[in-house]
C-alpha cells in the first residue's frame, strides 16, 4: 500500500507503507498543493495548487492501493 502526502513544499510524495520509504516525489508544482484526486480507474492523479492550477500525472506508480493524506499550512 502507498500513501500520498502533500503540502506547502509544492510536492506530492509517495510513500511505501510497508517499509516507510519514499518511493517518489512528484515535484511538477509551482505553488502549494492543496488537493489531490485519482481518476476512477486509478491511473491518473490530479493535483490542485493554491494558484488554481492543476497538474495531471499518468502512470505515477504501478500499484492500485492508495491512501491520500493532506497537510495544508
C-alpha atoms as a PDB file:
ATOM      1  CA  UNK A   1       0.000   0.000   0.000  1.00  0.00           C
ATOM      2  CA  UNK A   2       1.069   3.548  -0.673  1.00  0.00           C
ATOM      3  CA  UNK A   3       0.390   6.878   0.971  1.00  0.00           C
ATOM      4  CA  UNK A   4       0.349  10.144  -0.961  1.00  0.00           C
ATOM      5  CA  UNK A   5       1.168  13.265   1.032  1.00  0.00           C
ATOM      6  CA  UNK A   6       1.339  16.885   0.022  1.00  0.00           C
ATOM      7  CA  UNK A   7       1.607  20.349   1.465  1.00  0.00           C
ATOM      8  CA  UNK A   8       3.282  23.735   1.303  1.00  0.00           C
ATOM      9  CA  UNK A   9       6.539  22.269  -0.081  1.00  0.00           C
ATOM     10  CA  UNK A  10       4.906  22.077  -3.568  1.00  0.00           C
ATOM     11  CA  UNK A  11       5.477  18.314  -3.865  1.00  0.00           C
ATOM     12  CA  UNK A  12       3.372  15.191  -3.898  1.00  0.00           C
ATOM     13  CA  UNK A  13       5.284  12.470  -2.053  1.00  0.00           C
ATOM     14  CA  UNK A  14       4.544   8.771  -2.493  1.00  0.00           C
ATOM     15  CA  UNK A  15       5.431   6.584   0.489  1.00  0.00           C
ATOM     16  CA  UNK A  16       5.587   2.790   0.699  1.00  0.00           C
ATOM     17  CA  UNK A  17       3.659   1.928   3.870  1.00  0.00           C
ATOM     18  CA  UNK A  18       5.299  -1.493   4.197  1.00  0.00           C
ATOM     19  CA  UNK A  19       8.732  -0.018   4.915  1.00  0.00           C
ATOM     20  CA  UNK A  20       8.218   3.757   5.298  1.00  0.00           C
ATOM     21  CA  UNK A  21      10.412   4.553   2.285  1.00  0.00           C
ATOM     22  CA  UNK A  22       9.839   7.495  -0.019  1.00  0.00           C
ATOM     23  CA  UNK A  23       9.076   5.913  -3.395  1.00  0.00           C
ATOM     24  CA  UNK A  24       8.691   9.030  -5.497  1.00  0.00           C
ATOM     25  CA  UNK A  25       8.419  12.801  -5.292  1.00  0.00           C
ATOM     26  CA  UNK A  26       6.219  14.457  -7.904  1.00  0.00           C
ATOM     27  CA  UNK A  27       7.624  17.973  -7.945  1.00  0.00           C
ATOM     28  CA  UNK A  28       5.986  19.491 -11.008  1.00  0.00           C
ATOM     29  CA  UNK A  29       4.253  22.195  -8.955  1.00  0.00           C
ATOM     30  CA  UNK A  30       4.939  25.908  -8.794  1.00  0.00           C
ATOM     31  CA  UNK A  31       2.808  26.524  -5.683  1.00  0.00           C
ATOM     32  CA  UNK A  32       1.482  24.743  -2.592  1.00  0.00           C
ATOM     33  CA  UNK A  33      -0.553  21.639  -3.411  1.00  0.00           C
ATOM     34  CA  UNK A  34      -3.924  21.836  -1.659  1.00  0.00           C
ATOM     35  CA  UNK A  35      -5.878  18.972  -3.240  1.00  0.00           C
ATOM     36  CA  UNK A  36      -5.438  15.598  -4.922  1.00  0.00           C
ATOM     37  CA  UNK A  37      -7.815  13.240  -6.664  1.00  0.00           C
ATOM     38  CA  UNK A  38      -7.470   9.959  -8.537  1.00  0.00           C
ATOM     39  CA  UNK A  39      -9.290   9.024 -11.720  1.00  0.00           C
ATOM     40  CA  UNK A  40     -11.939   6.339 -11.366  1.00  0.00           C
ATOM     41  CA  UNK A  41      -9.526   3.780 -12.845  1.00  0.00           C
ATOM     42  CA  UNK A  42      -6.707   4.880 -10.525  1.00  0.00           C
ATOM     43  CA  UNK A  43      -4.347   5.613 -13.420  1.00  0.00           C
ATOM     44  CA  UNK A  44      -4.321   9.428 -13.304  1.00  0.00           C
ATOM     45  CA  UNK A  45      -3.594  11.646 -10.322  1.00  0.00           C
ATOM     46  CA  UNK A  46      -4.785  15.251 -10.444  1.00  0.00           C
ATOM     47  CA  UNK A  47      -3.211  17.693  -8.009  1.00  0.00           C
ATOM     48  CA  UNK A  48      -4.556  21.182  -7.438  1.00  0.00           C
ATOM     49  CA  UNK A  49      -2.396  24.113  -6.407  1.00  0.00           C
ATOM     50  CA  UNK A  50      -3.175  27.173  -4.309  1.00  0.00           C
ATOM     51  CA  UNK A  51      -2.787  29.212  -7.516  1.00  0.00           C
ATOM     52  CA  UNK A  52      -5.808  27.340  -9.027  1.00  0.00           C
ATOM     53  CA  UNK A  53      -3.632  25.368 -11.470  1.00  0.00           C
ATOM     54  CA  UNK A  54      -3.989  21.607 -11.891  1.00  0.00           C
ATOM     55  CA  UNK A  55      -1.243  19.112 -12.732  1.00  0.00           C
ATOM     56  CA  UNK A  56      -2.095  15.658 -14.097  1.00  0.00           C
ATOM     57  CA  UNK A  57       0.168  12.652 -13.552  1.00  0.00           C
ATOM     58  CA  UNK A  58      -0.257   9.435 -15.503  1.00  0.00           C
ATOM     59  CA  UNK A  59       1.383   6.138 -14.544  1.00  0.00           C
ATOM     60  CA  UNK A  60       2.848   7.575 -11.346  1.00  0.00           C
ATOM     61  CA  UNK A  61       3.145   4.132  -9.735  1.00  0.00           C
ATOM     62  CA  UNK A  62       2.467   0.519 -10.739  1.00  0.00           C
ATOM     63  CA  UNK A  63       0.149  -0.434  -7.878  1.00  0.00           C
ATOM     64  CA  UNK A  64      -3.507   0.277  -7.240  1.00  0.00           C
ATOM     65  CA  UNK A  65      -3.964   0.597  -3.450  1.00  0.00           C
ATOM     66  CA  UNK A  66      -3.545   4.174  -2.222  1.00  0.00           C
ATOM     67  CA  UNK A  67      -4.187   6.437   0.720  1.00  0.00           C
ATOM     68  CA  UNK A  68      -4.210  10.233   0.471  1.00  0.00           C
ATOM     69  CA  UNK A  69      -3.075  12.460   3.302  1.00  0.00           C
ATOM     70  CA  UNK A  70      -3.294  16.250   3.044  1.00  0.00           C
ATOM     71  CA  UNK A  71      -1.367  18.793   5.062  1.00  0.00           C
ATOM     72  CA  UNK A  72      -2.059  22.447   4.362  1.00  0.00           C
ATOM     73  CA  UNK A  73      -0.171  25.055   6.359  1.00  0.00           C
END
